[in-house]
C-alpha atoms as a PDB file:
ATOM      1  CA  VAL A   1      -0.161  -0.090  -0.010  1.00  0.00           C
ATOM      2  CA  PHE A   2       3.297   2.507   0.461  1.00  0.00           C
ATOM      3  CA  GLY A   3       4.434   1.644  -2.900  1.00  0.00           C
ATOM      4  CA  ASP A   4       8.105   1.802  -3.366  1.00  0.00           C
ATOM      5  CA  ASP A   5       9.109   4.967  -2.003  1.00  0.00           C
ATOM      6  CA  LEU A   6       9.020   5.565   1.756  1.00  0.00           C
ATOM      7  CA  SER A   7      10.876   8.790   1.676  1.00  0.00           C
ATOM      8  CA  GLY A   8       9.855  12.280   2.762  1.00  0.00           C
ATOM      9  CA  GLY A   9       8.411  13.747   5.499  1.00  0.00           C
ATOM     10  CA  CYS A  10       4.808  13.014   7.329  1.00  0.00           C
ATOM     11  CA  ALA A  11       2.554  15.914   7.810  1.00  0.00           C
ATOM     12  CA  ALA A  12      -0.313  14.425   9.891  1.00  0.00           C
ATOM     13  CA  VAL A  13      -1.094  10.497  10.653  1.00  0.00           C
ATOM     14  CA  ALA A  14      -5.144   9.423  11.380  1.00  0.00           C
ATOM     15  CA  PRO A  15      -5.940   6.413  12.884  1.00  0.00           C
ATOM     16  CA  GLY A  16      -8.855   4.125  11.591  1.00  0.00           C
ATOM     17  CA  GLU A  17     -10.025   0.998  13.428  1.00  0.00           C
ATOM     18  CA  ASP A  18      -7.790  -1.388  11.847  1.00  0.00           C
ATOM     19  CA  HIS A  19      -5.978   1.112   9.649  1.00  0.00           C
ATOM     20  CA  SER A  20      -4.019   3.917   9.665  1.00  0.00           C
ATOM     21  CA  LEU A  21      -3.163   6.946   7.067  1.00  0.00           C
ATOM     22  CA  GLY A  22      -0.285   9.277   6.985  1.00  0.00           C
ATOM     23  CA  LEU A  23      -0.368  12.244   5.506  1.00  0.00           C
ATOM     24  CA  ARG A  24       3.200  13.227   2.998  1.00  0.00           C
ATOM     25  CA  ASP A  25       4.799  16.648   3.012  1.00  0.00           C
ATOM     26  CA  ASP A  26       4.048  16.451  -0.594  1.00  0.00           C
ATOM     27  CA  GLY A  27       0.210  16.371  -0.096  1.00  0.00           C
ATOM     28  CA  SER A  28       0.301  12.306  -1.059  1.00  0.00           C
ATOM     29  CA  ILE A  29      -1.312   9.844   1.489  1.00  0.00           C
ATOM     30  CA  ALA A  30      -0.299   6.898   2.338  1.00  0.00           C
ATOM     31  CA  ALA A  31      -2.421   4.061   3.967  1.00  0.00           C
ATOM     32  CA  TRP A  32      -1.477   0.955   5.623  1.00  0.00           C
ATOM     33  CA  GLY A  33      -3.804  -1.967   7.428  1.00  0.00           C
ATOM     34  CA  LEU A  34      -6.857  -3.866   7.309  1.00  0.00           C
ATOM     35  CA  ASN A  35      -7.860  -3.092   3.509  1.00  0.00           C
ATOM     36  CA  SER A  36     -11.240  -5.746   3.805  1.00  0.00           C
ATOM     37  CA  HIS A  37     -13.072  -2.308   2.488  1.00  0.00           C
ATOM     38  CA  GLY A  38     -11.047  -0.787   0.394  1.00  0.00           C
ATOM     39  CA  GLN A  39     -10.211   1.850   3.448  1.00  0.00           C
ATOM     40  CA  CYS A  40      -6.243   1.578   2.137  1.00  0.00           C
ATOM     41  CA  ASP A  41      -6.843   1.788  -1.637  1.00  0.00           C
ATOM     42  CA  VAL A  42      -6.123   5.815  -1.953  1.00  0.00           C
ATOM     43  CA  ALA A  43      -8.617   8.191  -4.109  1.00  0.00           C
ATOM     44  CA  TRP A  44      -6.784   8.824  -7.346  1.00  0.00           C
ATOM     45  CA  PRO A  45      -4.997  11.152  -8.129  1.00  0.00           C
ATOM     46  CA  ASN A  46      -3.005  10.808  -4.654  1.00  0.00           C
ATOM     47  CA  THR A  47      -1.885  14.405  -4.584  1.00  0.00           C
ATOM     48  CA  ASP A  48      -3.228  17.745  -3.299  1.00  0.00           C
ATOM     49  CA  PHE A  49      -3.995  16.658  -0.330  1.00  0.00           C
ATOM     50  CA  VAL A  50      -3.989  18.855   3.250  1.00  0.00           C
ATOM     51  CA  GLU A  51      -6.145  16.973   5.495  1.00  0.00           C
ATOM     52  CA  ILE A  52      -6.652  13.206   6.626  1.00  0.00           C
ATOM     53  CA  ALA A  53      -9.507  11.390   8.532  1.00  0.00           C
ATOM     54  CA  ALA A  54      -9.970   8.131   9.104  1.00  0.00           C
ATOM     55  CA  GLY A  55     -13.238   5.906   9.956  1.00  0.00           C
ATOM     56  CA  GLU A  56     -13.900   2.458  11.138  1.00  0.00           C
ATOM     57  CA  ASN A  57     -13.866   0.951   7.484  1.00  0.00           C
ATOM     58  CA  HIS A  58     -13.682   4.191   5.364  1.00  0.00           C
ATOM     59  CA  SER A  59     -10.847   7.005   4.607  1.00  0.00           C
ATOM     60  CA  LEU A  60     -11.326  10.706   3.688  1.00  0.00           C
ATOM     61  CA  GLY A  61      -8.820  13.001   2.391  1.00  0.00           C
ATOM     62  CA  LEU A  62      -9.268  17.068   2.118  1.00  0.00           C
ATOM     63  CA  ARG A  63      -7.736  18.607  -0.978  1.00  0.00           C
ATOM     64  CA  GLU A  64      -6.195  21.734  -1.678  1.00  0.00           C
ATOM     65  CA  ASN A  65      -9.237  22.921  -3.332  1.00  0.00           C
ATOM     66  CA  GLY A  66     -11.871  22.326  -0.708  1.00  0.00           C
ATOM     67  CA  SER A  67     -12.989  18.844  -2.053  1.00  0.00           C
ATOM     68  CA  ILE A  68     -13.318  15.753  -0.250  1.00  0.00           C
ATOM     69  CA  ALA A  69     -12.305  12.700  -1.594  1.00  0.00           C
ATOM     70  CA  ALA A  70     -13.833   9.652   0.187  1.00  0.00           C
ATOM     71  CA  TRP A  71     -13.097   5.786  -0.136  1.00  0.00           C
ATOM     72  CA  GLY A  72     -13.699   2.544   1.420  1.00  0.00           C
ATOM     73  CA  SER A  73     -16.713   1.016   3.004  1.00  0.00           C
ATOM     74  CA  ASN A  74     -19.951   2.881   1.807  1.00  0.00           C
ATOM     75  CA  SER A  75     -22.390   0.463   3.598  1.00  0.00           C
ATOM     76  CA  TYR A  76     -23.990   3.669   5.468  1.00  0.00           C
ATOM     77  CA  GLY A  77     -23.541   6.296   2.912  1.00  0.00           C
ATOM     78  CA  GLU A  78     -20.002   7.720   4.674  1.00  0.00           C
ATOM     79  CA  CYS A  79     -18.172   7.957   1.404  1.00  0.00           C
ATOM     80  CA  ASP A  80     -21.438  10.159  -0.141  1.00  0.00           C
ATOM     81  CA  VAL A  81     -19.878  13.312  -0.039  1.00  0.00           C
ATOM     82  CA  PRO A  82     -23.221  15.957  -0.360  1.00  0.00           C
ATOM     83  CA  LEU A  83     -23.224  18.363  -3.048  1.00  0.00           C
ATOM     84  CA  PRO A  84     -21.732  20.746  -3.370  1.00  0.00           C
ATOM     85  CA  ASN A  85     -18.623  19.151  -2.708  1.00  0.00           C
ATOM     86  CA  ALA A  86     -16.815  22.212  -2.545  1.00  0.00           C
ATOM     87  CA  GLY A  87     -15.652  25.172   0.371  1.00  0.00           C
ATOM     88  CA  PHE A  88     -14.558  22.631   2.793  1.00  0.00           C
ATOM     89  CA  VAL A  89     -11.553  23.358   5.180  1.00  0.00           C
ATOM     90  CA  ALA A  90     -11.583  20.259   7.692  1.00  0.00           C
ATOM     91  CA  VAL A  91     -12.663  16.848   7.476  1.00  0.00           C
ATOM     92  CA  ALA A  92     -13.064  14.213  10.299  1.00  0.00           C
ATOM     93  CA  ALA A  93     -14.854  10.543  10.329  1.00  0.00           C
ATOM     94  CA  GLY A  94     -16.359   8.526  12.794  1.00  0.00           C
ATOM     95  CA  ASP A  95     -16.962   4.776  12.617  1.00  0.00           C
ATOM     96  CA  ASP A  96     -19.968   5.047  10.073  1.00  0.00           C
ATOM     97  CA  HIS A  97     -20.608   8.936   9.464  1.00  0.00           C
ATOM     98  CA  SER A  98     -17.894  11.377   8.013  1.00  0.00           C
ATOM     99  CA  LEU A  99     -18.064  15.301   8.904  1.00  0.00           C
ATOM    100  CA  GLY A 100     -16.905  18.420   6.718  1.00  0.00           C
ATOM    101  CA  LEU A 101     -16.405  21.671   7.873  1.00  0.00           C
ATOM    102  CA  LYS A 102     -17.313  24.229   5.501  1.00  0.00           C
ATOM    103  CA  ASP A 103     -15.468  28.094   5.369  1.00  0.00           C
ATOM    104  CA  ASP A 104     -18.809  29.364   6.264  1.00  0.00           C
ATOM    105  CA  GLY A 105     -18.381  27.984   9.717  1.00  0.00           C
ATOM    106  CA  SER A 106     -21.234  25.109   8.880  1.00  0.00           C
ATOM    107  CA  ILE A 107     -21.017  21.623   9.098  1.00  0.00           C
ATOM    108  CA  VAL A 108     -21.628  18.875   6.474  1.00  0.00           C
ATOM    109  CA  VAL A 109     -22.068  15.280   8.299  1.00  0.00           C
ATOM    110  CA  TRP A 110     -23.059  11.992   6.196  1.00  0.00           C
ATOM    111  CA  GLY A 111     -23.817   8.572   6.761  1.00  0.00           C
ATOM    112  CA  SER A 112     -25.076   6.601   9.816  1.00  0.00           C
ATOM    113  CA  ASN A 113     -27.786   8.605  11.701  1.00  0.00           C
ATOM    114  CA  LEU A 114     -28.289   5.891  13.979  1.00  0.00           C
ATOM    115  CA  HIS A 115     -27.184   7.794  17.278  1.00  0.00           C
ATOM    116  CA  GLY A 116     -28.582  11.584  15.697  1.00  0.00           C
ATOM    117  CA  GLU A 117     -24.732  11.717  14.842  1.00  0.00           C
ATOM    118  CA  CYS A 118     -25.619  13.654  11.783  1.00  0.00           C
ATOM    119  CA  ASP A 119     -27.618  16.009  13.573  1.00  0.00           C
ATOM    120  CA  VAL A 120     -25.887  19.195  13.903  1.00  0.00           C
ATOM    121  CA  PRO A 121     -27.401  21.458  16.294  1.00  0.00           C
ATOM    122  CA  SER A 122     -28.786  24.861  15.016  1.00  0.00           C
ATOM    123  CA  PRO A 123     -27.541  27.142  14.771  1.00  0.00           C
ATOM    124  CA  ASN A 124     -25.274  25.411  12.181  1.00  0.00           C
ATOM    125  CA  THR A 125     -22.841  28.720  12.258  1.00  0.00           C
ATOM    126  CA  GLY A 126     -19.769  29.769  13.711  1.00  0.00           C
ATOM    127  CA  PHE A 127     -17.834  26.012  13.963  1.00  0.00           C
ATOM    128  CA  VAL A 128     -13.911  26.401  13.659  1.00  0.00           C
ATOM    129  CA  HIS A 129     -13.106  22.392  14.567  1.00  0.00           C
ATOM    130  CA  ILE A 130     -14.955  19.227  13.817  1.00  0.00           C
ATOM    131  CA  ALA A 131     -13.984  15.578  15.296  1.00  0.00           C
ATOM    132  CA  GLY A 132     -15.888  12.426  14.811  1.00  0.00           C
ATOM    133  CA  GLY A 133     -16.580   9.765  17.150  1.00  0.00           C
ATOM    134  CA  GLY A 134     -17.990   6.093  17.454  1.00  0.00           C
END
């Protein structure tokens, strides 16, 4: 999954359930661990990423242009980034849901909503950071 070139620095890491992601200084992503749902099959092209997040069986990458790439298990729609897929400044992953912070301070959440994890409280404004949980 790493490929042949392991050189270069690591800008960030993200742990998933049974896999991990590393964001390299050059904007590419390295993934390793269990790949039973394609969670280590990084979206193509593997360039221009600025942030990463890993859920239970899916992975997310935020690109320089503000769009989100998602791959891996999509059993609950956790990889179906809502349109418009633009204007994101941060990304986070829960077990079976995904979150994106927009440049206007609002949060977009998609995937499993079994326990209300996609129900952002009103008003959905003024947020500066996001995180996902189980």
